[in-house]
Amino acid sequence: MNPKYNHYKITLEHTYSPKNETLNLPLSVDFGNHDNIFNIIDKLQERNHFNDVNQSAEFAIGLKMFSEVMLRNKYNPLFEELLPAFKDFMKKLKGGV
């Protein structure tokens, strides 16, 4: 993991299944990010785009995990069409829409 990045560990627990499927075992992922994700969560919760602080936290975590992978793999054809739109989206989000 990059020593210049913030290091995180996230654990996903499957706590309920509406179809009574077997619950999956917890999954932990270690990852790095150039941003302090907790600061981003705080900012998004203050802006309250979704009228729900939990959704703001979900959004921040998902966005930062996704965007970091995309940036590290920006030449992957999978992201070719998404990258320009994502840049516009981030400008809009940072502008405080």
PDB file of N, CA and C in Angstrom:
ATOM      1  N   MET A   1       0.848  -1.169   0.000  1.00  0.00           N
ATOM      2  CA  MET A   1       0.000   0.000   0.000  1.00  0.00           C
ATOM      3  C   MET A   1       0.903   1.245   0.000  1.00  0.00           C
ATOM      4  N   ASN A   2       0.466   2.256  -0.694  1.00  0.00           N
ATOM      5  CA  ASN A   2       1.239   3.475  -0.848  1.00  0.00           C
ATOM      6  C   ASN A   2       1.418   4.175   0.505  1.00  0.00           C
ATOM      7  N   PRO A   3       2.666   4.405   0.930  1.00  0.00           N
ATOM      8  CA  PRO A   3       2.890   5.038   2.234  1.00  0.00           C
ATOM      9  C   PRO A   3       2.475   6.512   2.265  1.00  0.00           C
ATOM     10  N   LYS A   4       2.218   7.105   1.103  1.00  0.00           N
ATOM     11  CA  LYS A   4       1.780   8.500   1.059  1.00  0.00           C
ATOM     12  C   LYS A   4       0.262   8.627   1.180  1.00  0.00           C
ATOM     13  N   TYR A   5      -0.430   7.504   1.164  1.00  0.00           N
ATOM     14  CA  TYR A   5      -1.888   7.489   1.232  1.00  0.00           C
ATOM     15  C   TYR A   5      -2.362   7.226   2.654  1.00  0.00           C
ATOM     16  N   ASN A   6      -3.589   7.624   2.928  1.00  0.00           N
ATOM     17  CA  ASN A   6      -4.270   7.200   4.138  1.00  0.00           C
ATOM     18  C   ASN A   6      -4.616   5.725   3.971  1.00  0.00           C
ATOM     19  N   HIS A   7      -4.489   4.960   5.024  1.00  0.00           N
ATOM     20  CA  HIS A   7      -4.792   3.527   4.970  1.00  0.00           C
ATOM     21  C   HIS A   7      -6.087   3.269   5.741  1.00  0.00           C
ATOM     22  N   TYR A   8      -6.909   2.406   5.150  1.00  0.00           N
ATOM     23  CA  TYR A   8      -8.213   2.101   5.736  1.00  0.00           C
ATOM     24  C   TYR A   8      -8.471   0.597   5.707  1.00  0.00           C
ATOM     25  N   LYS A   9      -9.385   0.191   6.557  1.00  0.00           N
ATOM     26  CA  LYS A   9      -9.900  -1.178   6.541  1.00  0.00           C
ATOM     27  C   LYS A   9     -11.405  -1.069   6.697  1.00  0.00           C
ATOM     28  N   ILE A  10     -12.118  -1.710   5.799  1.00  0.00           N
ATOM     29  CA  ILE A  10     -13.571  -1.706   5.865  1.00  0.00           C
ATOM     30  C   ILE A  10     -14.041  -3.154   5.947  1.00  0.00           C
ATOM     31  N   THR A  11     -15.036  -3.398   6.774  1.00  0.00           N
ATOM     32  CA  THR A  11     -15.597  -4.737   6.916  1.00  0.00           C
ATOM     33  C   THR A  11     -17.072  -4.680   6.541  1.00  0.00           C
ATOM     34  N   LEU A  12     -17.446  -5.568   5.646  1.00  0.00           N
ATOM     35  CA  LEU A  12     -18.830  -5.672   5.194  1.00  0.00           C
ATOM     36  C   LEU A  12     -19.446  -6.914   5.808  1.00  0.00           C
ATOM     37  N   GLU A  13     -20.550  -6.714   6.531  1.00  0.00           N
ATOM     38  CA  GLU A  13     -21.249  -7.831   7.163  1.00  0.00           C
ATOM     39  C   GLU A  13     -22.648  -7.949   6.571  1.00  0.00           C
ATOM     40  N   HIS A  14     -23.001  -9.126   6.186  1.00  0.00           N
ATOM     41  CA  HIS A  14     -24.330  -9.419   5.648  1.00  0.00           C
ATOM     42  C   HIS A  14     -25.206  -9.760   6.850  1.00  0.00           C
ATOM     43  N   THR A  15     -26.098  -8.857   7.233  1.00  0.00           N
ATOM     44  CA  THR A  15     -26.840  -9.022   8.484  1.00  0.00           C
ATOM     45  C   THR A  15     -28.284  -9.473   8.311  1.00  0.00           C
ATOM     46  N   TYR A  16     -28.790  -9.429   7.072  1.00  0.00           N
ATOM     47  CA  TYR A  16     -30.183  -9.810   6.844  1.00  0.00           C
ATOM     48  C   TYR A  16     -30.374 -10.128   5.378  1.00  0.00           C
ATOM     49  N   SER A  17     -31.211 -11.112   5.091  1.00  0.00           N
ATOM     50  CA  SER A  17     -31.576 -11.448   3.718  1.00  0.00           C
ATOM     51  C   SER A  17     -33.090 -11.544   3.626  1.00  0.00           C
ATOM     52  N   PRO A  18     -33.739 -10.697   2.810  1.00  0.00           N
ATOM     53  CA  PRO A  18     -35.204 -10.750   2.699  1.00  0.00           C
ATOM     54  C   PRO A  18     -35.690 -12.049   2.046  1.00  0.00           C
ATOM     55  N   LYS A  19     -34.789 -12.763   1.372  1.00  0.00           N
ATOM     56  CA  LYS A  19     -35.158 -14.028   0.726  1.00  0.00           C
ATOM     57  C   LYS A  19     -34.740 -15.237   1.563  1.00  0.00           C
ATOM     58  N   ASN A  20     -34.352 -14.967   2.807  1.00  0.00           N
ATOM     59  CA  ASN A  20     -33.897 -16.025   3.716  1.00  0.00           C
ATOM     60  C   ASN A  20     -32.724 -16.820   3.154  1.00  0.00           C
ATOM     61  N   GLU A  21     -31.897 -16.149   2.346  1.00  0.00           N
ATOM     62  CA  GLU A  21     -30.681 -16.785   1.851  1.00  0.00           C
ATOM     63  C   GLU A  21     -29.670 -16.872   2.984  1.00  0.00           C
ATOM     64  N   THR A  22     -28.742 -17.774   2.844  1.00  0.00           N
ATOM     65  CA  THR A  22     -27.674 -17.892   3.826  1.00  0.00           C
ATOM     66  C   THR A  22     -26.873 -16.599   3.837  1.00  0.00           C
ATOM     67  N   LEU A  23     -26.617 -16.085   5.025  1.00  0.00           N
ATOM     68  CA  LEU A  23     -25.832 -14.857   5.141  1.00  0.00           C
ATOM     69  C   LEU A  23     -24.370 -15.144   4.835  1.00  0.00           C
ATOM     70  N   ASN A  24     -23.763 -14.234   4.085  1.00  0.00           N
ATOM     71  CA  ASN A  24     -22.353 -14.381   3.750  1.00  0.00           C
ATOM     72  C   ASN A  24     -21.485 -14.070   4.959  1.00  0.00           C
ATOM     73  N   LEU A  25     -20.313 -14.651   4.973  1.00  0.00           N
ATOM     74  CA  LEU A  25     -19.346 -14.339   6.013  1.00  0.00           C
ATOM     75  C   LEU A  25     -18.850 -12.913   5.820  1.00  0.00           C
ATOM     76  N   PRO A  26     -18.433 -12.252   6.888  1.00  0.00           N
ATOM     77  CA  PRO A  26     -17.906 -10.892   6.746  1.00  0.00           C
ATOM     78  C   PRO A  26     -16.689 -10.864   5.812  1.00  0.00           C
ATOM     79  N   LEU A  27     -16.558  -9.755   5.114  1.00  0.00           N
ATOM     80  CA  LEU A  27     -15.437  -9.538   4.190  1.00  0.00           C
ATOM     81  C   LEU A  27     -14.741  -8.256   4.612  1.00  0.00           C
ATOM     82  N   SER A  28     -13.430  -8.324   4.842  1.00  0.00           N
ATOM     83  CA  SER A  28     -12.649  -7.133   5.183  1.00  0.00           C
ATOM     84  C   SER A  28     -11.724  -6.798   4.028  1.00  0.00           C
ATOM     85  N   VAL A  29     -11.620  -5.510   3.736  1.00  0.00           N
ATOM     86  CA  VAL A  29     -10.774  -5.035   2.651  1.00  0.00           C
ATOM     87  C   VAL A  29      -9.886  -3.922   3.189  1.00  0.00           C
ATOM     88  N   ASP A  30      -8.583  -4.056   2.966  1.00  0.00           N
ATOM     89  CA  ASP A  30      -7.635  -2.999   3.281  1.00  0.00           C
ATOM     90  C   ASP A  30      -7.403  -2.207   1.998  1.00  0.00           C
ATOM     91  N   PHE A  31      -7.412  -0.876   2.103  1.00  0.00           N
ATOM     92  CA  PHE A  31      -7.185  -0.067   0.909  1.00  0.00           C
ATOM     93  C   PHE A  31      -6.597   1.274   1.303  1.00  0.00           C
ATOM     94  N   GLY A  32      -6.048   1.943   0.311  1.00  0.00           N
ATOM     95  CA  GLY A  32      -5.490   3.267   0.524  1.00  0.00           C
ATOM     96  C   GLY A  32      -6.248   4.290  -0.298  1.00  0.00           C
ATOM     97  N   ASN A  33      -6.192   5.530   0.165  1.00  0.00           N
ATOM     98  CA  ASN A  33      -6.836   6.616  -0.566  1.00  0.00           C
ATOM     99  C   ASN A  33      -6.069   7.894  -0.284  1.00  0.00           C
ATOM    100  N   HIS A  34      -5.917   8.721  -1.300  1.00  0.00           N
ATOM    101  CA  HIS A  34      -5.157   9.962  -1.120  1.00  0.00           C
ATOM    102  C   HIS A  34      -5.897  10.973  -0.261  1.00  0.00           C
ATOM    103  N   ASP A  35      -7.196  10.802  -0.074  1.00  0.00           N
ATOM    104  CA  ASP A  35      -7.994  11.718   0.752  1.00  0.00           C
ATOM    105  C   ASP A  35      -8.270  11.118   2.122  1.00  0.00           C
ATOM    106  N   ASN A  36      -8.568  12.000   3.073  1.00  0.00           N
ATOM    107  CA  ASN A  36      -9.064  11.554   4.368  1.00  0.00           C
ATOM    108  C   ASN A  36     -10.574  11.354   4.199  1.00  0.00           C
ATOM    109  N   ILE A  37     -10.997  10.127   4.103  1.00  0.00           N
ATOM    110  CA  ILE A  37     -12.394   9.815   3.817  1.00  0.00           C
ATOM    111  C   ILE A  37     -13.321  10.290   4.936  1.00  0.00           C
ATOM    112  N   PHE A  38     -12.846  10.293   6.155  1.00  0.00           N
ATOM    113  CA  PHE A  38     -13.683  10.763   7.263  1.00  0.00           C
ATOM    114  C   PHE A  38     -14.025  12.243   7.101  1.00  0.00           C
ATOM    115  N   ASN A  39     -13.069  13.040   6.613  1.00  0.00           N
ATOM    116  CA  ASN A  39     -13.355  14.457   6.360  1.00  0.00           C
ATOM    117  C   ASN A  39     -14.405  14.619   5.265  1.00  0.00           C
ATOM    118  N   ILE A  40     -14.337  13.780   4.249  1.00  0.00           N
ATOM    119  CA  ILE A  40     -15.308  13.835   3.155  1.00  0.00           C
ATOM    120  C   ILE A  40     -16.693  13.420   3.652  1.00  0.00           C
ATOM    121  N   ILE A  41     -16.748  12.400   4.478  1.00  0.00           N
ATOM    122  CA  ILE A  41     -18.029  11.993   5.076  1.00  0.00           C
ATOM    123  C   ILE A  41     -18.631  13.163   5.844  1.00  0.00           C
ATOM    124  N   ASP A  42     -17.818  13.816   6.656  1.00  0.00           N
ATOM    125  CA  ASP A  42     -18.307  14.960   7.437  1.00  0.00           C
ATOM    126  C   ASP A  42     -18.863  16.052   6.530  1.00  0.00           C
ATOM    127  N   LYS A  43     -18.133  16.389   5.465  1.00  0.00           N
ATOM    128  CA  LYS A  43     -18.582  17.449   4.548  1.00  0.00           C
ATOM    129  C   LYS A  43     -19.901  17.073   3.884  1.00  0.00           C
ATOM    130  N   LEU A  44     -20.003  15.823   3.430  1.00  0.00           N
ATOM    131  CA  LEU A  44     -21.224  15.408   2.748  1.00  0.00           C
ATOM    132  C   LEU A  44     -22.403  15.304   3.719  1.00  0.00           C
ATOM    133  N   GLN A  45     -22.134  14.925   4.945  1.00  0.00           N
ATOM    134  CA  GLN A  45     -23.213  14.893   5.931  1.00  0.00           C
ATOM    135  C   GLN A  45     -23.687  16.306   6.259  1.00  0.00           C
ATOM    136  N   GLU A  46     -22.774  17.266   6.265  1.00  0.00           N
ATOM    137  CA  GLU A  46     -23.162  18.661   6.490  1.00  0.00           C
ATOM    138  C   GLU A  46     -24.018  19.179   5.339  1.00  0.00           C
ATOM    139  N   ARG A  47     -23.650  18.837   4.123  1.00  0.00           N
ATOM    140  CA  ARG A  47     -24.409  19.293   2.947  1.00  0.00           C
ATOM    141  C   ARG A  47     -25.753  18.580   2.841  1.00  0.00           C
ATOM    142  N   ASN A  48     -25.800  17.351   3.317  1.00  0.00           N
ATOM    143  CA  ASN A  48     -27.043  16.590   3.424  1.00  0.00           C
ATOM    144  C   ASN A  48     -27.831  16.519   2.104  1.00  0.00           C
ATOM    145  N   HIS A  49     -27.156  16.150   1.031  1.00  0.00           N
ATOM    146  CA  HIS A  49     -27.782  16.041  -0.291  1.00  0.00           C
ATOM    147  C   HIS A  49     -28.958  15.066  -0.317  1.00  0.00           C
ATOM    148  N   PHE A  50     -28.938  14.089   0.558  1.00  0.00           N
ATOM    149  CA  PHE A  50     -29.922  13.004   0.504  1.00  0.00           C
ATOM    150  C   PHE A  50     -30.926  13.040   1.662  1.00  0.00           C
ATOM    151  N   ASN A  51     -30.838  14.061   2.491  1.00  0.00           N
ATOM    152  CA  ASN A  51     -31.690  14.175   3.674  1.00  0.00           C
ATOM    153  C   ASN A  51     -31.570  12.955   4.587  1.00  0.00           C
ATOM    154  N   ASP A  52     -30.374  12.385   4.627  1.00  0.00           N
ATOM    155  CA  ASP A  52     -30.133  11.187   5.430  1.00  0.00           C
ATOM    156  C   ASP A  52     -28.620  11.075   5.635  1.00  0.00           C
ATOM    157  N   VAL A  53     -28.152  11.252   6.862  1.00  0.00           N
ATOM    158  CA  VAL A  53     -26.710  11.235   7.114  1.00  0.00           C
ATOM    159  C   VAL A  53     -26.093   9.878   6.811  1.00  0.00           C
ATOM    160  N   ASN A  54     -26.857   8.791   7.007  1.00  0.00           N
ATOM    161  CA  ASN A  54     -26.318   7.472   6.686  1.00  0.00           C
ATOM    162  C   ASN A  54     -26.086   7.320   5.191  1.00  0.00           C
ATOM    163  N   GLN A  55     -27.011   7.828   4.371  1.00  0.00           N
ATOM    164  CA  GLN A  55     -26.816   7.759   2.924  1.00  0.00           C
ATOM    165  C   GLN A  55     -25.625   8.618   2.496  1.00  0.00           C
ATOM    166  N   SER A  56     -25.420   9.721   3.171  1.00  0.00           N
ATOM    167  CA  SER A  56     -24.257  10.555   2.866  1.00  0.00           C
ATOM    168  C   SER A  56     -22.962   9.789   3.132  1.00  0.00           C
ATOM    169  N   ALA A  57     -22.918   9.049   4.230  1.00  0.00           N
ATOM    170  CA  ALA A  57     -21.737   8.244   4.551  1.00  0.00           C
ATOM    171  C   ALA A  57     -21.563   7.118   3.535  1.00  0.00           C
ATOM    172  N   GLU A  58     -22.657   6.419   3.190  1.00  0.00           N
ATOM    173  CA  GLU A  58     -22.593   5.361   2.171  1.00  0.00           C
ATOM    174  C   GLU A  58     -22.043   5.906   0.861  1.00  0.00           C
ATOM    175  N   PHE A  59     -22.594   7.042   0.455  1.00  0.00           N
ATOM    176  CA  PHE A  59     -22.189   7.675  -0.793  1.00  0.00           C
ATOM    177  C   PHE A  59     -20.705   8.029  -0.766  1.00  0.00           C
ATOM    178  N   ALA A  60     -20.247   8.662   0.306  1.00  0.00           N
ATOM    179  CA  ALA A  60     -18.846   9.073   0.408  1.00  0.00           C
ATOM    180  C   ALA A  60     -17.904   7.878   0.350  1.00  0.00           C
ATOM    181  N   ILE A  61     -18.218   6.838   1.096  1.00  0.00           N
ATOM    182  CA  ILE A  61     -17.356   5.652   1.120  1.00  0.00           C
ATOM    183  C   ILE A  61     -17.325   4.978  -0.250  1.00  0.00           C
ATOM    184  N   GLY A  62     -18.498   4.764  -0.829  1.00  0.00           N
ATOM    185  CA  GLY A  62     -18.562   4.124  -2.137  1.00  0.00           C
ATOM    186  C   GLY A  62     -17.877   4.936  -3.208  1.00  0.00           C
ATOM    187  N   LEU A  63     -18.115   6.231  -3.203  1.00  0.00           N
ATOM    188  CA  LEU A  63     -17.526   7.119  -4.205  1.00  0.00           C
ATOM    189  C   LEU A  63     -16.008   7.122  -4.109  1.00  0.00           C
ATOM    190  N   LYS A  64     -15.476   7.239  -2.907  1.00  0.00           N
ATOM    191  CA  LYS A  64     -14.024   7.298  -2.738  1.00  0.00           C
ATOM    192  C   LYS A  64     -13.365   5.970  -3.071  1.00  0.00           C
ATOM    193  N   MET A  65     -13.993   4.863  -2.726  1.00  0.00           N
ATOM    194  CA  MET A  65     -13.418   3.565  -3.071  1.00  0.00           C
ATOM    195  C   MET A  65     -13.434   3.374  -4.590  1.00  0.00           C
ATOM    196  N   PHE A  66     -14.565   3.686  -5.211  1.00  0.00           N
ATOM    197  CA  PHE A  66     -14.692   3.539  -6.660  1.00  0.00           C
ATOM    198  C   PHE A  66     -13.735   4.463  -7.405  1.00  0.00           C
ATOM    199  N   SER A  67     -13.716   5.738  -7.012  1.00  0.00           N
ATOM    200  CA  SER A  67     -12.916   6.708  -7.755  1.00  0.00           C
ATOM    201  C   SER A  67     -11.424   6.416  -7.638  1.00  0.00           C
ATOM    202  N   GLU A  68     -10.976   5.922  -6.507  1.00  0.00           N
ATOM    203  CA  GLU A  68      -9.559   5.609  -6.351  1.00  0.00           C
ATOM    204  C   GLU A  68      -9.158   4.461  -7.275  1.00  0.00           C
ATOM    205  N   VAL A  69      -9.994   3.441  -7.363  1.00  0.00           N
ATOM    206  CA  VAL A  69      -9.710   2.324  -8.284  1.00  0.00           C
ATOM    207  C   VAL A  69      -9.705   2.829  -9.720  1.00  0.00           C
ATOM    208  N   MET A  70     -10.666   3.677 -10.055  1.00  0.00           N
ATOM    209  CA  MET A  70     -10.745   4.209 -11.411  1.00  0.00           C
ATOM    210  C   MET A  70      -9.508   5.041 -11.733  1.00  0.00           C
ATOM    211  N   LEU A  71      -9.063   5.884 -10.807  1.00  0.00           N
ATOM    212  CA  LEU A  71      -7.878   6.704 -11.062  1.00  0.00           C
ATOM    213  C   LEU A  71      -6.620   5.856 -11.238  1.00  0.00           C
ATOM    214  N   ARG A  72      -6.497   4.799 -10.471  1.00  0.00           N
ATOM    215  CA  ARG A  72      -5.337   3.921 -10.606  1.00  0.00           C
ATOM    216  C   ARG A  72      -5.370   3.120 -11.897  1.00  0.00           C
ATOM    217  N   ASN A  73      -6.543   3.016 -12.478  1.00  0.00           N
ATOM    218  CA  ASN A  73      -6.719   2.224 -13.707  1.00  0.00           C
ATOM    219  C   ASN A  73      -7.327   3.070 -14.822  1.00  0.00           C
ATOM    220  N   LYS A  74      -6.945   4.358 -14.873  1.00  0.00           N
ATOM    221  CA  LYS A  74      -7.591   5.288 -15.802  1.00  0.00           C
ATOM    222  C   LYS A  74      -7.391   4.935 -17.272  1.00  0.00           C
ATOM    223  N   TYR A  75      -6.424   4.101 -17.589  1.00  0.00           N
ATOM    224  CA  TYR A  75      -6.224   3.703 -18.984  1.00  0.00           C
ATOM    225  C   TYR A  75      -6.925   2.394 -19.323  1.00  0.00           C
ATOM    226  N   ASN A  76      -7.628   1.838 -18.365  1.00  0.00           N
ATOM    227  CA  ASN A  76      -8.401   0.621 -18.602  1.00  0.00           C
ATOM    228  C   ASN A  76      -9.599   0.989 -19.478  1.00  0.00           C
ATOM    229  N   PRO A  77      -9.819   0.251 -20.564  1.00  0.00           N
ATOM    230  CA  PRO A  77     -10.940   0.566 -21.454  1.00  0.00           C
ATOM    231  C   PRO A  77     -12.300   0.565 -20.748  1.00  0.00           C
ATOM    232  N   LEU A  78     -12.413  -0.101 -19.636  1.00  0.00           N
ATOM    233  CA  LEU A  78     -13.661  -0.133 -18.881  1.00  0.00           C
ATOM    234  C   LEU A  78     -14.106   1.270 -18.461  1.00  0.00           C
ATOM    235  N   PHE A  79     -13.141   2.149 -18.202  1.00  0.00           N
ATOM    236  CA  PHE A  79     -13.449   3.489 -17.716  1.00  0.00           C
ATOM    237  C   PHE A  79     -13.411   4.558 -18.807  1.00  0.00           C
ATOM    238  N   GLU A  80     -13.141   4.170 -20.019  1.00  0.00           N
ATOM    239  CA  GLU A  80     -12.948   5.120 -21.122  1.00  0.00           C
ATOM    240  C   GLU A  80     -14.092   6.125 -21.266  1.00  0.00           C
ATOM    241  N   GLU A  81     -15.314   5.664 -21.265  1.00  0.00           N
ATOM    242  CA  GLU A  81     -16.462   6.552 -21.445  1.00  0.00           C
ATOM    243  C   GLU A  81     -16.876   7.240 -20.149  1.00  0.00           C
ATOM    244  N   LEU A  82     -16.590   6.605 -19.038  1.00  0.00           N
ATOM    245  CA  LEU A  82     -17.035   7.129 -17.746  1.00  0.00           C
ATOM    246  C   LEU A  82     -16.155   8.264 -17.226  1.00  0.00           C
ATOM    247  N   LEU A  83     -14.865   8.203 -17.487  1.00  0.00           N
ATOM    248  CA  LEU A  83     -13.925   9.155 -16.899  1.00  0.00           C
ATOM    249  C   LEU A  83     -14.272  10.618 -17.186  1.00  0.00           C
ATOM    250  N   PRO A  84     -14.576  11.019 -18.426  1.00  0.00           N
ATOM    251  CA  PRO A  84     -14.924  12.438 -18.659  1.00  0.00           C
ATOM    252  C   PRO A  84     -16.181  12.866 -17.885  1.00  0.00           C
ATOM    253  N   ALA A  85     -17.196  12.030 -17.874  1.00  0.00           N
ATOM    254  CA  ALA A  85     -18.427  12.359 -17.147  1.00  0.00           C
ATOM    255  C   ALA A  85     -18.159  12.396 -15.642  1.00  0.00           C
ATOM    256  N   PHE A  86     -17.295  11.517 -15.161  1.00  0.00           N
ATOM    257  CA  PHE A  86     -16.976  11.482 -13.739  1.00  0.00           C
ATOM    258  C   PHE A  86     -16.272  12.763 -13.311  1.00  0.00           C
ATOM    259  N   LYS A  87     -15.373  13.254 -14.151  1.00  0.00           N
ATOM    260  CA  LYS A  87     -14.689  14.516 -13.836  1.00  0.00           C
ATOM    261  C   LYS A  87     -15.704  15.649 -13.704  1.00  0.00           C
ATOM    262  N   ASP A  88     -16.665  15.714 -14.613  1.00  0.00           N
ATOM    263  CA  ASP A  88     -17.709  16.741 -14.538  1.00  0.00           C
ATOM    264  C   ASP A  88     -18.544  16.578 -13.271  1.00  0.00           C
ATOM    265  N   PHE A  89     -18.873  15.342 -12.952  1.00  0.00           N
ATOM    266  CA  PHE A  89     -19.636  15.058 -11.748  1.00  0.00           C
ATOM    267  C   PHE A  89     -18.904  15.531 -10.503  1.00  0.00           C
ATOM    268  N   MET A  90     -17.604  15.257 -10.424  1.00  0.00           N
ATOM    269  CA  MET A  90     -16.826  15.647  -9.238  1.00  0.00           C
ATOM    270  C   MET A  90     -16.757  17.167  -9.119  1.00  0.00           C
ATOM    271  N   LYS A  91     -16.636  17.875 -10.238  1.00  0.00           N
ATOM    272  CA  LYS A  91     -16.632  19.339 -10.189  1.00  0.00           C
ATOM    273  C   LYS A  91     -17.965  19.850  -9.626  1.00  0.00           C
ATOM    274  N   LYS A  92     -19.049  19.227 -10.073  1.00  0.00           N
ATOM    275  CA  LYS A  92     -20.381  19.612  -9.604  1.00  0.00           C
ATOM    276  C   LYS A  92     -20.518  19.326  -8.105  1.00  0.00           C
ATOM    277  N   LEU A  93     -20.066  18.166  -7.676  1.00  0.00           N
ATOM    278  CA  LEU A  93     -20.160  17.791  -6.268  1.00  0.00           C
ATOM    279  C   LEU A  93     -19.302  18.716  -5.402  1.00  0.00           C
ATOM    280  N   LYS A  94     -18.093  18.980  -5.834  1.00  0.00           N
ATOM    281  CA  LYS A  94     -17.196  19.850  -5.053  1.00  0.00           C
ATOM    282  C   LYS A  94     -17.692  21.293  -5.034  1.00  0.00           C
ATOM    283  N   GLY A  95     -18.472  21.656  -6.055  1.00  0.00           N
ATOM    284  CA  GLY A  95     -19.035  23.000  -6.101  1.00  0.00           C
ATOM    285  C   GLY A  95     -20.180  23.199  -5.128  1.00  0.00           C
ATOM    286  N   GLY A  96     -20.617  22.124  -4.512  1.00  0.00           N
ATOM    287  CA  GLY A  96     -21.647  22.214  -3.480  1.00  0.00           C
ATOM    288  C   GLY A  96     -23.062  22.249  -4.010  1.00  0.00           C
ATOM    289  N   VAL A  97     -23.289  21.579  -5.131  1.00  0.00           N
ATOM    290  CA  VAL A  97     -24.635  21.554  -5.720  1.00  0.00           C
ATOM    291  C   VAL A  97     -25.658  21.174  -4.684  1.00  0.00           C
TER     292      VAL A  97
END
